[in-house]
Amino acid sequence: MTVGAGHYASTHFIDADGRPSLLFWIRGISDPGTWVGALSVPYVVSHDGSRTALTPHPTVAAARSTSTGGEPATALDVEWSPHGTGTLRPVGPDGVSRADLALADGVLTISVPGADPVVVEHHEPTLRVIADAQVPEIVADGGLVGLQLTDVAGGLIPYADDPSHLAWWHLS
């Protein structure tokens, strides 16, 4: 259900609509001298045959604003549909990429400065990325990935090699 050291110590709960859900502690991220670790967004647990899947709880999509206006934000919900191959980059207002997500042949490689790349399977048409300040959560078929980004004070704008495969919203 998770890949890498980020998401761990899950807490199970049943939401108001009776859906089994999880919330995770995300470790390996910090703002030195201020805080260490973070809570994930909530996830709904479902089963498809022998596979357990996690999807962001509907309350995450309910927090989307109606328009991004192309402005950077520190809280984003991104849906990327690369049609099998492509690259997604969250970019700061200075034009510098804060991470690279590259998909090829069902393998997603996530690279952030200062950390080893994380590799996870992803075959579904759409990949979801939820970013809250410097904490992006990547929702891939092979599991959740949580990493730390740096220098996000001015916000982020997602860019894909094919912009028509990208939809994104600010979160309130």
C-alpha atoms as a PDB file:
ATOM      1  CA  MET A   1       0.000   0.000   0.000  1.00  0.00           C
ATOM      2  CA  THR A   2       2.972   2.347   0.493  1.00  0.00           C
ATOM      3  CA  VAL A   3       6.384   2.670  -1.131  1.00  0.00           C
ATOM      4  CA  GLY A   4       9.432   4.201   0.521  1.00  0.00           C
ATOM      5  CA  ALA A   5       9.813   5.320   4.103  1.00  0.00           C
ATOM      6  CA  GLY A   6       7.262   8.160   4.011  1.00  0.00           C
ATOM      7  CA  HIS A   7       3.791   6.795   4.809  1.00  0.00           C
ATOM      8  CA  TYR A   8       3.665   4.637   7.910  1.00  0.00           C
ATOM      9  CA  ALA A   9       1.810   4.127  11.192  1.00  0.00           C
ATOM     10  CA  SER A  10      -1.644   4.109   9.618  1.00  0.00           C
ATOM     11  CA  THR A  11      -4.800   4.746  11.587  1.00  0.00           C
ATOM     12  CA  HIS A  12      -8.001   3.030  10.456  1.00  0.00           C
ATOM     13  CA  PHE A  13     -11.395   4.670  10.775  1.00  0.00           C
ATOM     14  CA  ILE A  14     -14.862   4.406   9.271  1.00  0.00           C
ATOM     15  CA  ASP A  15     -15.999   7.661   7.669  1.00  0.00           C
ATOM     16  CA  ALA A  16     -19.470   9.189   8.018  1.00  0.00           C
ATOM     17  CA  ASP A  17     -20.670   7.209   4.969  1.00  0.00           C
ATOM     18  CA  GLY A  18     -19.431   3.879   6.359  1.00  0.00           C
ATOM     19  CA  ARG A  19     -16.330   3.601   4.129  1.00  0.00           C
ATOM     20  CA  PRO A  20     -13.172   2.050   5.587  1.00  0.00           C
ATOM     21  CA  SER A  21     -10.486   4.743   5.572  1.00  0.00           C
ATOM     22  CA  LEU A  22      -6.860   5.273   6.563  1.00  0.00           C
ATOM     23  CA  LEU A  23      -4.758   8.196   7.696  1.00  0.00           C
ATOM     24  CA  PHE A  24      -0.944   7.906   7.790  1.00  0.00           C
ATOM     25  CA  TRP A  25       1.939   9.523   9.585  1.00  0.00           C
ATOM     26  CA  ILE A  26       4.476  10.673   6.965  1.00  0.00           C
ATOM     27  CA  ARG A  27       8.025  10.564   8.244  1.00  0.00           C
ATOM     28  CA  GLY A  28      11.265  11.785   6.730  1.00  0.00           C
ATOM     29  CA  ILE A  29      10.048  15.351   6.287  1.00  0.00           C
ATOM     30  CA  SER A  30      10.576  18.374   8.488  1.00  0.00           C
ATOM     31  CA  ASP A  31      10.966  22.078   8.860  1.00  0.00           C
ATOM     32  CA  PRO A  32      14.029  22.080  11.152  1.00  0.00           C
ATOM     33  CA  GLY A  33      13.357  23.715  14.484  1.00  0.00           C
ATOM     34  CA  THR A  34       9.611  23.907  13.777  1.00  0.00           C
ATOM     35  CA  TRP A  35       8.078  20.489  13.082  1.00  0.00           C
ATOM     36  CA  VAL A  36       8.915  16.894  12.149  1.00  0.00           C
ATOM     37  CA  GLY A  37       6.599  14.595  10.189  1.00  0.00           C
ATOM     38  CA  ALA A  38       3.085  15.247   8.944  1.00  0.00           C
ATOM     39  CA  LEU A  39      -0.298  13.607   8.628  1.00  0.00           C
ATOM     40  CA  SER A  40      -1.412  12.394   5.216  1.00  0.00           C
ATOM     41  CA  VAL A  41      -4.683  13.245   3.587  1.00  0.00           C
ATOM     42  CA  PRO A  42      -7.325  10.608   4.379  1.00  0.00           C
ATOM     43  CA  TYR A  43      -7.662   7.628   2.020  1.00  0.00           C
ATOM     44  CA  VAL A  44     -10.594   5.326   1.299  1.00  0.00           C
ATOM     45  CA  VAL A  45      -9.691   1.623   1.285  1.00  0.00           C
ATOM     46  CA  SER A  46     -11.229  -0.583  -1.408  1.00  0.00           C
ATOM     47  CA  HIS A  47     -10.657  -4.085  -2.733  1.00  0.00           C
ATOM     48  CA  ASP A  48     -10.564  -5.122  -6.373  1.00  0.00           C
ATOM     49  CA  GLY A  49     -10.226  -8.896  -6.385  1.00  0.00           C
ATOM     50  CA  SER A  50      -7.002  -9.656  -4.523  1.00  0.00           C
ATOM     51  CA  ARG A  51      -5.739  -6.057  -4.760  1.00  0.00           C
ATOM     52  CA  THR A  52      -6.218  -3.469  -2.023  1.00  0.00           C
ATOM     53  CA  ALA A  53      -6.427   0.094  -3.328  1.00  0.00           C
ATOM     54  CA  LEU A  54      -6.201   3.471  -1.640  1.00  0.00           C
ATOM     55  CA  THR A  55      -7.817   6.541  -3.150  1.00  0.00           C
ATOM     56  CA  PRO A  56      -7.893  10.033  -1.687  1.00  0.00           C
ATOM     57  CA  HIS A  57     -11.032  10.547   0.363  1.00  0.00           C
ATOM     58  CA  PRO A  58     -13.759  12.498  -1.512  1.00  0.00           C
ATOM     59  CA  THR A  59     -13.318  15.379   0.941  1.00  0.00           C
ATOM     60  CA  VAL A  60      -9.982  16.139  -0.754  1.00  0.00           C
ATOM     61  CA  ALA A  61     -11.671  16.759  -4.124  1.00  0.00           C
ATOM     62  CA  ALA A  62     -14.409  18.695  -2.305  1.00  0.00           C
ATOM     63  CA  ALA A  63     -11.709  21.142  -1.128  1.00  0.00           C
ATOM     64  CA  ARG A  64     -10.741  22.017  -4.730  1.00  0.00           C
ATOM     65  CA  SER A  65     -11.235  25.605  -5.803  1.00  0.00           C
ATOM     66  CA  THR A  66     -13.135  26.090  -9.043  1.00  0.00           C
ATOM     67  CA  SER A  67     -10.195  27.607 -10.905  1.00  0.00           C
ATOM     68  CA  THR A  68      -6.430  27.619 -10.582  1.00  0.00           C
ATOM     69  CA  GLY A  69      -5.968  30.769 -12.584  1.00  0.00           C
ATOM     70  CA  GLY A  70      -2.476  29.458 -13.344  1.00  0.00           C
ATOM     71  CA  GLU A  71      -1.215  30.893 -10.071  1.00  0.00           C
ATOM     72  CA  PRO A  72       1.185  28.921  -7.863  1.00  0.00           C
ATOM     73  CA  ALA A  73      -0.168  27.475  -4.637  1.00  0.00           C
ATOM     74  CA  THR A  74       1.163  25.557  -1.658  1.00  0.00           C
ATOM     75  CA  ALA A  75      -1.852  23.204  -1.585  1.00  0.00           C
ATOM     76  CA  LEU A  76      -2.648  21.428  -4.871  1.00  0.00           C
ATOM     77  CA  ASP A  77      -4.638  18.473  -6.182  1.00  0.00           C
ATOM     78  CA  VAL A  78      -3.245  17.228  -9.506  1.00  0.00           C
ATOM     79  CA  GLU A  79      -4.616  14.640 -11.927  1.00  0.00           C
ATOM     80  CA  TRP A  80      -2.110  13.625 -14.599  1.00  0.00           C
ATOM     81  CA  SER A  81      -3.078  11.281 -17.459  1.00  0.00           C
ATOM     82  CA  PRO A  82       0.129  10.694 -19.437  1.00  0.00           C
ATOM     83  CA  HIS A  83      -1.202   7.882 -21.685  1.00  0.00           C
ATOM     84  CA  GLY A  84       1.618   5.510 -20.725  1.00  0.00           C
ATOM     85  CA  THR A  85       4.657   7.768 -20.976  1.00  0.00           C
ATOM     86  CA  GLY A  86       5.400  11.283 -19.805  1.00  0.00           C
ATOM     87  CA  THR A  87       6.916  13.648 -17.278  1.00  0.00           C
ATOM     88  CA  LEU A  88       5.291  15.785 -14.597  1.00  0.00           C
ATOM     89  CA  ARG A  89       7.179  18.508 -12.740  1.00  0.00           C
ATOM     90  CA  PRO A  90       6.014  20.720  -9.886  1.00  0.00           C
ATOM     91  CA  VAL A  91       7.768  24.020 -10.584  1.00  0.00           C
ATOM     92  CA  GLY A  92       8.327  26.998  -8.286  1.00  0.00           C
ATOM     93  CA  PRO A  93       7.673  30.605  -9.295  1.00  0.00           C
ATOM     94  CA  ASP A  94      11.378  30.859 -10.174  1.00  0.00           C
ATOM     95  CA  GLY A  95      10.858  28.294 -12.964  1.00  0.00           C
ATOM     96  CA  VAL A  96      12.919  25.608 -11.203  1.00  0.00           C
ATOM     97  CA  SER A  97      11.530  22.077 -10.950  1.00  0.00           C
ATOM     98  CA  ARG A  98      11.142  20.847  -7.364  1.00  0.00           C
ATOM     99  CA  ALA A  99      10.633  17.202  -8.437  1.00  0.00           C
ATOM    100  CA  ASP A 100      10.474  15.026 -11.533  1.00  0.00           C
ATOM    101  CA  LEU A 101       7.873  12.305 -11.994  1.00  0.00           C
ATOM    102  CA  ALA A 102       8.686  10.229 -15.071  1.00  0.00           C
ATOM    103  CA  LEU A 103       6.410   7.413 -16.274  1.00  0.00           C
ATOM    104  CA  ALA A 104       7.520   4.808 -18.811  1.00  0.00           C
ATOM    105  CA  ASP A 105       6.332   1.228 -19.354  1.00  0.00           C
ATOM    106  CA  GLY A 106       4.269   1.151 -16.160  1.00  0.00           C
ATOM    107  CA  VAL A 107       7.143   2.344 -13.973  1.00  0.00           C
ATOM    108  CA  LEU A 108       6.984   5.725 -12.240  1.00  0.00           C
ATOM    109  CA  THR A 109      10.302   7.189 -11.102  1.00  0.00           C
ATOM    110  CA  ILE A 110      10.032  10.058  -8.627  1.00  0.00           C
ATOM    111  CA  SER A 111      13.125  12.195  -8.111  1.00  0.00           C
ATOM    112  CA  VAL A 112      13.559  15.075  -5.685  1.00  0.00           C
ATOM    113  CA  PRO A 113      16.813  16.927  -4.965  1.00  0.00           C
ATOM    114  CA  GLY A 114      18.738  15.494  -2.028  1.00  0.00           C
ATOM    115  CA  ALA A 115      17.001  12.095  -1.983  1.00  0.00           C
ATOM    116  CA  ASP A 116      17.322   8.767  -3.747  1.00  0.00           C
ATOM    117  CA  PRO A 117      14.761   8.257  -6.521  1.00  0.00           C
ATOM    118  CA  VAL A 118      11.660   6.255  -5.596  1.00  0.00           C
ATOM    119  CA  VAL A 119      10.354   3.751  -8.148  1.00  0.00           C
ATOM    120  CA  VAL A 120       6.757   2.493  -8.073  1.00  0.00           C
ATOM    121  CA  GLU A 121       4.466   0.697 -10.524  1.00  0.00           C
ATOM    122  CA  HIS A 122       1.670   2.665 -12.152  1.00  0.00           C
ATOM    123  CA  HIS A 123      -0.588   1.344 -14.931  1.00  0.00           C
ATOM    124  CA  GLU A 124      -3.873   3.210 -14.432  1.00  0.00           C
ATOM    125  CA  PRO A 125      -4.651   6.041 -16.851  1.00  0.00           C
ATOM    126  CA  THR A 126      -4.509   8.773 -14.205  1.00  0.00           C
ATOM    127  CA  LEU A 127      -1.989   9.502 -11.468  1.00  0.00           C
ATOM    128  CA  ARG A 128      -3.039  11.707  -8.573  1.00  0.00           C
ATOM    129  CA  VAL A 129      -0.634  13.993  -6.721  1.00  0.00           C
ATOM    130  CA  ILE A 130      -1.739  15.937  -3.661  1.00  0.00           C
ATOM    131  CA  ALA A 131       0.702  18.533  -2.367  1.00  0.00           C
ATOM    132  CA  ASP A 132       0.399  20.318   0.951  1.00  0.00           C
ATOM    133  CA  ALA A 133       3.282  22.785   1.239  1.00  0.00           C
ATOM    134  CA  GLN A 134       6.485  20.735   0.911  1.00  0.00           C
ATOM    135  CA  VAL A 135       4.739  17.361   1.295  1.00  0.00           C
ATOM    136  CA  PRO A 136       3.575  15.761  -1.966  1.00  0.00           C
ATOM    137  CA  GLU A 137       1.628  12.508  -1.780  1.00  0.00           C
ATOM    138  CA  ILE A 138       1.813  10.492  -4.998  1.00  0.00           C
ATOM    139  CA  VAL A 139      -1.072   8.029  -5.384  1.00  0.00           C
ATOM    140  CA  ALA A 140       0.244   5.311  -7.713  1.00  0.00           C
ATOM    141  CA  ASP A 141      -1.083   1.798  -8.366  1.00  0.00           C
ATOM    142  CA  GLY A 142       1.944   0.297  -6.646  1.00  0.00           C
ATOM    143  CA  GLY A 143       1.427   2.347  -3.481  1.00  0.00           C
ATOM    144  CA  LEU A 144       1.505   5.761  -1.871  1.00  0.00           C
ATOM    145  CA  VAL A 145       4.720   7.755  -1.942  1.00  0.00           C
ATOM    146  CA  GLY A 146       5.375  10.694   0.383  1.00  0.00           C
ATOM    147  CA  LEU A 147       8.466  12.851  -0.017  1.00  0.00           C
ATOM    148  CA  GLN A 148       9.740  16.265   0.968  1.00  0.00           C
ATOM    149  CA  LEU A 149      10.159  19.098  -1.486  1.00  0.00           C
ATOM    150  CA  THR A 150      12.358  22.088  -0.836  1.00  0.00           C
ATOM    151  CA  ASP A 151      11.868  25.794  -1.457  1.00  0.00           C
ATOM    152  CA  VAL A 152       8.090  25.821  -1.913  1.00  0.00           C
ATOM    153  CA  ALA A 153       7.366  29.076  -0.075  1.00  0.00           C
ATOM    154  CA  GLY A 154       6.160  30.781  -3.266  1.00  0.00           C
ATOM    155  CA  GLY A 155       3.963  27.833  -4.210  1.00  0.00           C
ATOM    156  CA  LEU A 156       4.043  25.337  -7.062  1.00  0.00           C
ATOM    157  CA  ILE A 157       2.615  25.000 -10.544  1.00  0.00           C
ATOM    158  CA  PRO A 158       2.502  21.532 -12.137  1.00  0.00           C
ATOM    159  CA  TYR A 159       3.839  21.194 -15.675  1.00  0.00           C
ATOM    160  CA  ALA A 160       3.507  18.134 -17.906  1.00  0.00           C
ATOM    161  CA  ASP A 161       5.256  17.446 -21.186  1.00  0.00           C
ATOM    162  CA  ASP A 162       1.743  17.381 -22.682  1.00  0.00           C
ATOM    163  CA  PRO A 163      -0.412  20.016 -20.914  1.00  0.00           C
ATOM    164  CA  SER A 164      -3.615  18.481 -22.317  1.00  0.00           C
ATOM    165  CA  HIS A 165      -3.003  15.491 -20.006  1.00  0.00           C
ATOM    166  CA  LEU A 166      -3.008  17.633 -16.869  1.00  0.00           C
ATOM    167  CA  ALA A 167      -5.754  18.991 -14.608  1.00  0.00           C
ATOM    168  CA  TRP A 168      -5.069  20.737 -11.315  1.00  0.00           C
ATOM    169  CA  TRP A 169      -6.745  22.723  -8.603  1.00  0.00           C
ATOM    170  CA  HIS A 170      -5.797  24.772  -5.578  1.00  0.00           C
ATOM    171  CA  LEU A 171      -7.022  23.248  -2.327  1.00  0.00           C
ATOM    172  CA  SER A 172      -8.659  25.393   0.325  1.00  0.00           C
END
